[in-house]
Amino acid sequence: MANFIPFKGLRYNNEKISDLSNVTTPPYDIISPSAQEEYYNTHPNNVIRLELSKELEGDNETNNKYTRAASTLESWLKDQTLVFESEPALYLYEQIFTLKNGVTKSFKGFIGLVELEEFSKGIVLPHEETLSKAKTDRFNLMSTTYSNFSQIFSLYLDPERKIGAIIDDISKAAPDITFTSTENIIQNLWIITESSVINEVRGILKDKQLFIADGHHRYETALNFRNKLREENPDYSQDDLFNYVMMMLVDMDDPGLVVFPTHRLIKDIAGFDENSLAEKLQEDFHVEKIMAEPSQNHLSEVIEQELTKRNKDKVFALYTGENYYYLLTLKNSDIMSKMLPDQSLAYRNLDVSVLHTVILEKILGIDKENMANQKNLTYTRNPLEAIEWIKNGSFQCSFLLNATKVFEIKDVSLANEKMPQKSTYFYPKLVTGLVMNKFR
């Protein structure tokens, strides 16, 4: 099913850039304006100038952040700041990281090019809804640079660990590239050009379905851009690289996979009243009001621990800015069958589906269009922000929840459905600028 091929990756010239930590970044969609400025100042060749160039006063159709990214790319190619691999390769990529509880984890996967396929073919499967604004941004960047600067992150099933055995064998050798990025994450890369190894990996993956974990906007953009180029070039070849997109593939059962929750913050609800909300919640939830102990300096950590202890239930925390929080446990999952009769059991069983359907829509009146436009809803991965932003009055309340489980992503994808936006946050994010794909 999946056509996974090697490619001549575009990488920083190690004769010019000795420390990749100075020139790489996280993916564009988690970079704040202040972080963008910081990356700009870190190094004149930081990939931020390609992936997320600054908007400047006076920008127009012919001079803007996208045209500047293209000009910068051509300049770096000309002076060999960036160089292509001498022959087609697959790249084995590893991240080693430590969670805040002190546990160290790692995961490994292959970077290569995957042939673009419509979701309807069931080869590449999405799990999350997308936003049109982000897709327009990525399309504009692709239109000027003809490049993928970051990898889409996808999962596959390999119960017999056939690919896992290949990965174990390759990683016995020292990596070709290693450095430590932000948050003290070790980044390792092995460059594989041996045709026998490449063909073995490709042969195993050809029967696999790929589940997009991170990068839905980039995948849909690549599909749209491919279709545009096919229309403009009716004599195109199937081997043309615009038919492919750069992707990192990881075993869904890799023990190093970590998914964080994304919490919801509510604002600008007319007539918002905490007591009224708590009363309405009692119809469908067991509502516990839990006082915060004076010694608990980090209420967010207390809430996280309590949610984790009860993660077999559909449970949420509601915070309204006081010295207490509410713990909400769904009384009966039958309500999801009544409210979403046309959705699959996999979709109805998601914590985020319960939160959106029963609380945000039914009780607070925040419909799907409102959520998509983020009129009354904002997201944060940081549980501390979900507390502090309520305390300082920026928002009226927040809902904290447990993370979506990896198997739930698979189940929803196989049901040909998509989760609500911001249902998953894989950690750590893949590094942008480690290896890139220029397809024209």
Protein backbone atom coordinates (compact mmCIF):
# COMPACT_ATOMS: atom_id res chain seq x y z
CA MET A 1 0.00 0.00 0.00
CA ALA A 2 2.47 2.67 1.16
CA ASN A 3 5.15 3.62 -1.38
CA PHE A 4 8.15 4.68 0.71
CA ILE A 5 11.25 5.74 -1.20
CA PRO A 6 14.75 7.07 -0.43
CA PHE A 7 15.71 10.58 -1.51
CA LYS A 8 18.67 12.93 -1.70
CA GLY A 9 18.03 14.81 1.50
CA LEU A 10 18.97 18.46 1.79
CA ARG A 11 21.08 18.98 4.91
CA TYR A 12 23.26 21.60 6.55
CA ASN A 13 26.85 21.39 5.36
CA ASN A 14 28.77 20.12 8.37
CA GLU A 15 31.89 21.93 7.12
CA LYS A 16 30.04 25.21 7.64
CA ILE A 17 27.56 24.40 10.43
CA SER A 18 29.18 22.34 13.18
CA ASP A 19 26.36 22.51 15.76
CA LEU A 20 22.88 21.83 14.44
CA SER A 21 21.31 22.96 17.70
CA ASN A 22 21.94 26.53 16.50
CA VAL A 23 20.09 26.16 13.20
CA THR A 24 17.19 23.76 13.87
CA THR A 25 13.78 24.48 15.39
CA PRO A 26 10.55 22.72 16.38
CA PRO A 27 7.75 22.61 13.76
CA TYR A 28 6.33 25.97 12.67
CA ASP A 29 2.95 25.53 14.36
CA ILE A 30 4.27 25.57 17.92
CA ILE A 31 6.65 28.51 17.49
CA SER A 32 5.47 31.66 19.24
CA PRO A 33 6.42 35.15 17.97
CA SER A 34 8.94 35.51 20.81
CA ALA A 35 10.47 32.10 19.99
CA GLN A 36 10.59 33.07 16.32
CA GLU A 37 12.60 36.17 17.24
CA GLU A 38 14.90 34.08 19.43
CA TYR A 39 15.62 31.62 16.61
CA TYR A 40 16.33 34.52 14.26
CA ASN A 41 18.90 35.83 16.71
CA THR A 42 20.51 32.45 17.44
CA HIS A 43 22.20 32.01 14.07
CA PRO A 44 22.05 33.75 10.65
CA ASN A 45 21.44 30.37 8.99
CA ASN A 46 18.71 29.16 11.33
CA VAL A 47 16.01 27.25 9.46
CA ILE A 48 13.40 29.64 10.91
CA ARG A 49 14.18 31.87 7.90
CA LEU A 50 12.84 29.12 5.65
CA GLU A 51 10.12 27.47 7.73
CA LEU A 52 8.62 30.55 9.40
CA SER A 53 10.02 33.73 7.94
CA LYS A 54 9.03 37.04 9.50
CA GLU A 55 6.25 39.23 8.20
CA LEU A 56 7.51 42.77 7.54
CA GLU A 57 5.80 46.10 7.16
CA GLY A 58 5.19 46.81 3.49
CA ASP A 59 4.91 43.17 2.45
CA ASN A 60 3.10 42.68 -0.86
CA GLU A 61 2.44 39.97 -3.43
CA THR A 62 5.98 40.05 -4.81
CA ASN A 63 7.90 40.69 -1.60
CA ASN A 64 6.72 38.80 1.44
CA LYS A 65 7.76 36.15 3.92
CA TYR A 66 7.28 33.37 1.35
CA THR A 67 9.34 35.00 -1.40
CA ARG A 68 12.04 35.82 1.17
CA ALA A 69 12.13 32.19 2.26
CA ALA A 70 12.63 31.13 -1.36
CA SER A 71 15.37 33.72 -1.88
CA THR A 72 17.11 32.64 1.32
CA LEU A 73 16.94 28.99 0.28
CA GLU A 74 18.51 29.73 -3.11
CA SER A 75 21.24 31.75 -1.42
CA TRP A 76 22.07 28.94 1.00
CA LEU A 77 22.16 26.43 -1.84
CA LYS A 78 24.45 28.68 -3.85
CA ASP A 79 26.95 29.19 -1.04
CA GLN A 80 26.61 25.52 0.04
CA THR A 81 25.26 26.24 3.48
CA LEU A 82 22.82 23.52 2.47
CA VAL A 83 23.93 20.55 0.37
CA PHE A 84 22.16 17.54 -1.09
CA GLU A 85 23.02 13.98 -0.16
CA SER A 86 25.30 12.48 -2.79
CA GLU A 87 22.96 9.51 -3.31
CA PRO A 88 19.39 8.58 -2.33
CA ALA A 89 19.09 7.65 1.32
CA LEU A 90 16.72 6.76 4.10
CA TYR A 91 17.40 8.35 7.46
CA LEU A 92 17.03 6.58 10.80
CA TYR A 93 16.06 9.24 13.33
CA GLU A 94 16.08 8.92 17.11
CA GLN A 95 15.03 11.29 19.88
CA ILE A 96 16.09 10.66 23.49
CA PHE A 97 14.27 12.74 26.09
CA THR A 98 13.45 12.93 29.79
CA LEU A 99 9.95 13.61 31.09
CA LYS A 100 9.34 15.86 34.07
CA ASN A 101 8.86 12.78 36.27
CA GLY A 102 12.48 11.86 35.57
CA VAL A 103 11.75 8.94 33.21
CA THR A 104 13.97 8.85 30.11
CA LYS A 105 12.46 7.58 26.87
CA SER A 106 13.40 7.34 23.22
CA PHE A 107 11.83 6.40 19.91
CA LYS A 108 13.24 5.71 16.46
CA GLY A 109 11.85 5.73 12.95
CA PHE A 110 12.74 6.14 9.30
CA ILE A 111 12.60 9.37 7.33
CA GLY A 112 11.93 9.04 3.61
CA LEU A 113 9.43 10.12 0.98
CA VAL A 114 5.89 8.70 0.92
CA GLU A 115 3.80 8.79 -2.23
CA LEU A 116 0.86 11.13 -1.72
CA GLU A 117 -2.51 9.37 -1.71
CA GLU A 118 -6.02 10.67 -1.09
CA PHE A 119 -7.37 9.66 2.30
CA SER A 120 -10.22 7.82 0.57
CA LYS A 121 -7.77 5.14 -0.61
CA GLY A 122 -7.14 4.07 2.99
CA ILE A 123 -3.35 4.05 2.62
CA VAL A 124 -2.57 7.22 4.54
CA LEU A 125 -5.14 7.90 7.23
CA PRO A 126 -5.79 11.14 9.14
CA HIS A 127 -7.14 11.31 12.67
CA GLU A 128 -7.72 15.02 13.24
CA GLU A 129 -9.62 17.92 11.67
CA THR A 130 -7.58 20.74 10.11
CA LEU A 131 -7.80 24.53 9.89
CA SER A 132 -7.90 26.25 6.49
CA LYS A 133 -5.70 29.18 7.60
CA ALA A 134 -2.75 26.89 8.37
CA LYS A 135 -3.15 25.06 5.05
CA THR A 136 -3.13 28.35 3.12
CA ASP A 137 0.08 29.39 4.87
CA ARG A 138 1.83 26.10 4.09
CA PHE A 139 0.57 26.16 0.48
CA ASN A 140 2.01 29.65 -0.05
CA LEU A 141 5.37 28.53 1.34
CA MET A 142 5.43 25.42 -0.84
CA SER A 143 4.53 27.52 -3.89
CA THR A 144 7.74 29.57 -3.57
CA THR A 145 10.21 27.03 -2.17
CA TYR A 146 9.06 23.65 -3.58
CA SER A 147 10.31 22.10 -0.37
CA ASN A 148 9.38 20.21 2.78
CA PHE A 149 11.44 21.62 5.63
CA SER A 150 9.88 19.40 8.30
CA GLN A 151 8.72 15.81 8.32
CA ILE A 152 5.14 14.68 8.70
CA PHE A 153 5.02 12.22 11.60
CA SER A 154 3.14 8.97 10.92
CA LEU A 155 2.66 5.60 12.61
CA TYR A 156 2.41 2.05 11.28
CA LEU A 157 1.64 -1.36 12.79
CA ASP A 158 4.51 -3.85 12.95
CA PRO A 159 3.48 -6.54 15.47
CA GLU A 160 6.26 -8.87 14.34
CA ARG A 161 8.84 -6.08 14.71
CA LYS A 162 10.32 -6.76 11.27
CA ILE A 163 11.30 -3.12 10.86
CA GLY A 164 12.18 -2.92 14.54
CA ALA A 165 14.84 -5.59 14.03
CA ILE A 166 16.37 -3.57 11.17
CA ILE A 167 16.37 -0.45 13.33
CA ASP A 168 18.07 -2.32 16.19
CA ASP A 169 20.78 -3.53 13.83
CA ILE A 170 21.47 -0.12 12.28
CA SER A 171 21.57 1.70 15.59
CA LYS A 172 24.33 -0.55 16.95
CA ALA A 173 26.67 1.79 15.10
CA ALA A 174 27.29 5.36 16.23
CA PRO A 175 24.95 7.89 14.57
CA ASP A 176 26.28 9.97 11.70
CA ILE A 177 24.83 13.10 13.30
CA THR A 178 24.16 13.78 16.96
CA PHE A 179 23.41 16.93 18.93
CA THR A 180 21.28 18.12 21.82
CA SER A 181 18.41 20.46 21.02
CA THR A 182 16.17 22.55 23.26
CA GLU A 183 14.69 20.87 26.34
CA ASN A 184 17.86 18.72 26.41
CA ILE A 185 16.55 16.34 23.76
CA ILE A 186 19.26 14.23 22.12
CA GLN A 187 18.86 14.07 18.33
CA ASN A 188 20.53 11.17 16.48
CA LEU A 189 20.54 10.52 12.75
CA TRP A 190 21.90 7.56 10.77
CA ILE A 191 22.21 7.98 6.99
CA ILE A 192 21.36 4.73 5.16
CA THR A 193 22.38 4.36 1.52
CA GLU A 194 22.80 0.57 1.32
CA SER A 195 20.30 -0.57 -1.31
CA SER A 196 19.70 -3.94 0.39
CA VAL A 197 18.59 -2.28 3.63
CA ILE A 198 16.49 0.31 1.81
CA ASN A 199 14.75 -2.35 -0.25
CA GLU A 200 14.05 -4.47 2.82
CA VAL A 201 12.43 -1.55 4.65
CA ARG A 202 10.42 -0.58 1.56
CA GLY A 203 9.26 -4.16 1.08
CA ILE A 204 7.92 -4.41 4.61
CA LEU A 205 6.20 -1.02 4.50
CA LYS A 206 4.46 -1.57 1.18
CA ASP A 207 1.74 -3.58 2.94
CA LYS A 208 1.25 -1.03 5.72
CA GLN A 209 -1.30 1.66 6.37
CA LEU A 210 0.14 4.91 7.67
CA PHE A 211 -1.64 6.82 10.43
CA ILE A 212 -0.78 10.53 10.54
CA ALA A 213 0.18 11.46 14.08
CA ASP A 214 1.35 15.03 13.47
CA GLY A 215 1.33 17.11 10.30
CA HIS A 216 -2.23 16.89 8.93
CA HIS A 217 -2.06 20.43 7.53
CA ARG A 218 1.22 19.74 5.78
CA TYR A 219 -0.06 16.49 4.27
CA GLU A 220 -3.28 18.02 2.93
CA THR A 221 -1.27 20.96 1.61
CA ALA A 222 1.14 18.61 -0.18
CA LEU A 223 -1.84 16.82 -1.75
CA ASN A 224 -3.34 20.10 -2.94
CA PHE A 225 -0.01 21.29 -4.29
CA ARG A 226 0.55 18.00 -6.10
CA ASN A 227 -2.86 18.37 -7.76
CA LYS A 228 -1.99 21.91 -8.84
CA LEU A 229 1.28 20.81 -10.41
CA ARG A 230 -0.40 17.88 -12.16
CA GLU A 231 -2.90 20.27 -13.73
CA GLU A 232 -0.08 22.55 -14.85
CA ASN A 233 1.98 19.60 -16.16
CA PRO A 234 -0.40 17.11 -17.82
CA ASP A 235 2.60 15.09 -19.04
CA TYR A 236 3.90 14.62 -15.51
CA SER A 237 5.68 11.41 -14.54
CA GLN A 238 4.73 9.32 -11.51
CA ASP A 239 8.39 9.58 -10.51
CA ASP A 240 8.21 13.38 -10.22
CA LEU A 241 9.04 14.22 -6.63
CA PHE A 242 6.06 16.50 -6.19
CA ASN A 243 4.03 13.28 -6.00
CA TYR A 244 5.73 12.54 -2.67
CA VAL A 245 6.07 14.17 0.74
CA MET A 246 8.76 13.79 3.40
CA MET A 247 7.61 11.65 6.31
CA MET A 248 8.94 10.08 9.50
CA LEU A 249 7.51 6.59 10.14
CA VAL A 250 7.43 5.08 13.64
CA ASP A 251 6.03 1.81 14.96
CA MET A 252 2.74 2.49 16.74
CA ASP A 253 3.84 0.14 19.53
CA ASP A 254 7.13 1.92 20.14
CA PRO A 255 7.27 2.32 23.94
CA GLY A 256 8.87 5.72 23.53
CA LEU A 257 5.76 7.33 22.04
CA VAL A 258 4.33 9.98 24.35
CA VAL A 259 1.08 11.90 23.86
CA PHE A 260 0.24 14.92 25.98
CA PRO A 261 -3.26 16.34 26.42
CA THR A 262 -4.28 19.73 25.10
CA HIS A 263 -6.41 21.64 27.59
CA ARG A 264 -9.32 23.96 26.76
CA LEU A 265 -9.72 27.53 27.96
CA ILE A 266 -13.05 29.37 27.71
CA LYS A 267 -13.59 33.10 27.21
CA ASP A 268 -16.29 35.67 26.42
CA ILE A 269 -19.29 33.51 27.34
CA ALA A 270 -22.15 35.96 27.90
CA GLY A 271 -23.58 35.72 31.42
CA PHE A 272 -21.03 33.12 32.51
CA ASP A 273 -21.78 31.94 36.03
CA GLU A 274 -19.76 29.29 37.84
CA ASN A 275 -22.59 28.08 40.07
CA SER A 276 -24.99 27.77 37.17
CA LEU A 277 -22.40 25.82 35.17
CA ALA A 278 -21.70 23.45 38.08
CA GLU A 279 -25.43 22.84 38.47
CA LYS A 280 -25.94 22.06 34.78
CA LEU A 281 -22.96 19.70 34.80
CA GLN A 282 -24.60 17.58 37.50
CA GLU A 283 -27.12 16.27 34.99
CA ASP A 284 -24.47 14.20 33.21
CA PHE A 285 -21.48 14.21 35.57
CA HIS A 286 -20.60 13.41 39.14
CA VAL A 287 -19.32 16.82 40.26
CA GLU A 288 -16.76 16.95 43.11
CA LYS A 289 -15.59 20.28 44.47
CA ILE A 290 -12.02 19.79 45.71
CA MET A 291 -10.27 22.40 47.83
CA ALA A 292 -6.62 23.17 47.13
CA GLU A 293 -4.28 22.72 50.06
CA PRO A 294 -2.35 25.91 51.01
CA SER A 295 0.91 23.99 50.61
CA GLN A 296 0.09 23.07 47.01
CA ASN A 297 2.06 25.68 45.07
CA HIS A 298 1.36 24.06 41.73
CA LEU A 299 -2.33 23.27 41.50
CA SER A 300 -1.83 22.18 37.90
CA GLU A 301 0.38 19.29 39.03
CA VAL A 302 -2.20 18.23 41.64
CA ILE A 303 -4.94 18.21 39.01
CA GLU A 304 -2.77 16.28 36.55
CA GLN A 305 -2.06 13.61 39.16
CA GLU A 306 -5.73 13.28 40.05
CA LEU A 307 -6.78 12.98 36.41
CA THR A 308 -4.09 10.35 35.79
CA LYS A 309 -5.30 8.27 38.74
CA ARG A 310 -8.79 8.19 37.23
CA ASN A 311 -7.87 7.86 33.56
CA LYS A 312 -10.06 4.78 33.11
CA ASP A 313 -13.08 7.05 33.54
CA LYS A 314 -14.23 9.93 31.40
CA VAL A 315 -13.01 12.57 33.81
CA PHE A 316 -12.19 16.26 33.51
CA ALA A 317 -11.12 19.07 35.81
CA LEU A 318 -12.90 22.41 35.72
CA TYR A 319 -11.01 25.42 37.08
CA THR A 320 -12.60 28.84 37.62
CA GLY A 321 -9.80 30.81 39.28
CA GLU A 322 -10.54 30.07 42.93
CA ASN A 323 -8.71 28.01 45.59
CA TYR A 324 -10.56 24.87 44.47
CA TYR A 325 -11.37 22.93 41.34
CA TYR A 326 -14.17 20.65 40.20
CA LEU A 327 -13.62 17.05 39.18
CA LEU A 328 -16.20 15.94 36.60
CA THR A 329 -16.81 12.23 35.96
CA LEU A 330 -19.28 11.16 33.27
CA LYS A 331 -22.17 9.23 34.79
CA ASN A 332 -23.26 7.23 31.77
CA SER A 333 -21.61 6.91 28.35
CA ASP A 334 -25.03 6.24 26.79
CA ILE A 335 -25.44 9.97 26.40
CA MET A 336 -22.77 9.92 23.69
CA SER A 337 -24.76 7.33 21.73
CA LYS A 338 -27.82 9.58 21.94
CA MET A 339 -25.99 12.77 21.03
CA LEU A 340 -23.72 11.29 18.33
CA PRO A 341 -25.70 8.35 16.90
CA ASP A 342 -23.92 8.53 13.54
CA GLN A 343 -20.40 8.48 14.96
CA SER A 344 -18.38 5.36 15.62
CA LEU A 345 -17.90 3.89 19.08
CA ALA A 346 -14.20 4.79 18.78
CA TYR A 347 -15.07 8.46 18.29
CA ARG A 348 -17.72 8.52 21.02
CA ASN A 349 -15.29 6.99 23.52
CA LEU A 350 -12.71 9.76 23.19
CA ASP A 351 -12.36 12.00 26.22
CA VAL A 352 -12.14 15.02 23.94
CA SER A 353 -15.38 13.99 22.18
CA VAL A 354 -17.18 13.85 25.52
CA LEU A 355 -15.79 17.23 26.53
CA HIS A 356 -16.70 18.91 23.26
CA THR A 357 -20.12 17.31 22.86
CA VAL A 358 -21.57 17.20 26.36
CA ILE A 359 -19.91 20.22 27.95
CA LEU A 360 -18.78 22.72 25.31
CA GLU A 361 -21.69 22.24 22.88
CA LYS A 362 -24.59 21.13 25.04
CA ILE A 363 -23.99 23.23 28.14
CA LEU A 364 -21.87 26.20 27.03
CA GLY A 365 -23.34 26.52 23.54
CA ILE A 366 -19.98 26.52 21.74
CA ASP A 367 -20.79 24.84 18.42
CA LYS A 368 -18.32 23.28 15.98
CA GLU A 369 -18.00 26.41 13.84
CA ASN A 370 -17.28 28.44 16.97
CA MET A 371 -14.62 25.91 17.99
CA ALA A 372 -13.02 25.96 14.54
CA ASN A 373 -12.83 29.76 14.62
CA GLN A 374 -11.71 29.72 18.28
CA LYS A 375 -14.24 32.43 19.12
CA ASN A 376 -14.81 31.29 22.70
CA LEU A 377 -12.17 28.58 22.87
CA THR A 378 -8.38 28.56 23.16
CA TYR A 379 -6.00 25.64 23.58
CA THR A 380 -2.89 25.08 25.67
CA ARG A 381 -0.68 22.07 26.26
CA ASN A 382 0.72 23.63 29.41
CA PRO A 383 -1.45 22.78 32.46
CA LEU A 384 0.12 25.68 34.37
CA GLU A 385 -1.21 28.09 31.74
CA ALA A 386 -4.64 26.45 32.09
CA ILE A 387 -4.55 27.61 35.72
CA GLU A 388 -2.66 30.90 35.59
CA TRP A 389 -4.59 32.35 32.64
CA ILE A 390 -7.82 31.89 34.60
CA LYS A 391 -6.34 33.41 37.75
CA ASN A 392 -5.25 36.56 35.91
CA GLY A 393 -8.64 37.00 34.29
CA SER A 394 -7.64 36.30 30.69
CA PHE A 395 -10.22 33.50 30.51
CA GLN A 396 -13.37 32.56 32.41
CA CYS A 397 -12.58 28.91 33.08
CA SER A 398 -10.54 25.98 31.84
CA PHE A 399 -11.09 22.29 31.33
CA LEU A 400 -8.11 19.99 31.87
CA LEU A 401 -8.21 16.44 30.54
CA ASN A 402 -6.19 13.27 30.09
CA ALA A 403 -4.22 12.54 26.93
CA THR A 404 -5.64 10.64 23.99
CA LYS A 405 -4.19 7.11 23.85
CA VAL A 406 -2.23 5.96 20.80
CA PHE A 407 -4.58 3.03 20.12
CA GLU A 408 -7.52 5.46 20.07
CA ILE A 409 -5.86 7.31 17.19
CA LYS A 410 -5.71 4.06 15.23
CA ASP A 411 -9.31 3.12 16.03
CA VAL A 412 -10.72 6.50 14.96
CA SER A 413 -8.63 6.50 11.77
CA LEU A 414 -9.79 2.99 10.83
CA ALA A 415 -13.38 4.13 11.34
CA ASN A 416 -12.73 6.77 8.64
CA GLU A 417 -13.37 9.56 11.10
CA LYS A 418 -11.39 12.51 12.39
CA MET A 419 -10.99 13.63 15.96
CA PRO A 420 -11.79 17.18 16.99
CA GLN A 421 -8.97 19.68 16.47
CA LYS A 422 -6.15 19.62 19.02
CA SER A 423 -6.95 16.10 20.23
CA THR A 424 -3.33 14.95 20.36
CA TYR A 425 0.06 16.44 21.09
CA PHE A 426 2.92 14.05 20.46
CA TYR A 427 6.06 14.82 22.43
CA PRO A 428 8.76 15.61 21.61
CA LYS A 429 8.20 17.30 18.28
CA LEU A 430 10.39 16.27 15.36
CA VAL A 431 13.18 18.74 14.62
CA THR A 432 12.84 21.00 11.60
CA GLY A 433 16.00 21.45 9.55
CA LEU A 434 17.66 18.14 10.38
CA VAL A 435 16.98 16.83 6.87
CA MET A 436 14.84 18.54 4.23
CA ASN A 437 13.31 17.67 0.89
CA LYS A 438 13.50 19.98 -2.12
CA PHE A 439 11.50 18.47 -4.93
CA ARG A 440 12.19 21.04 -7.67
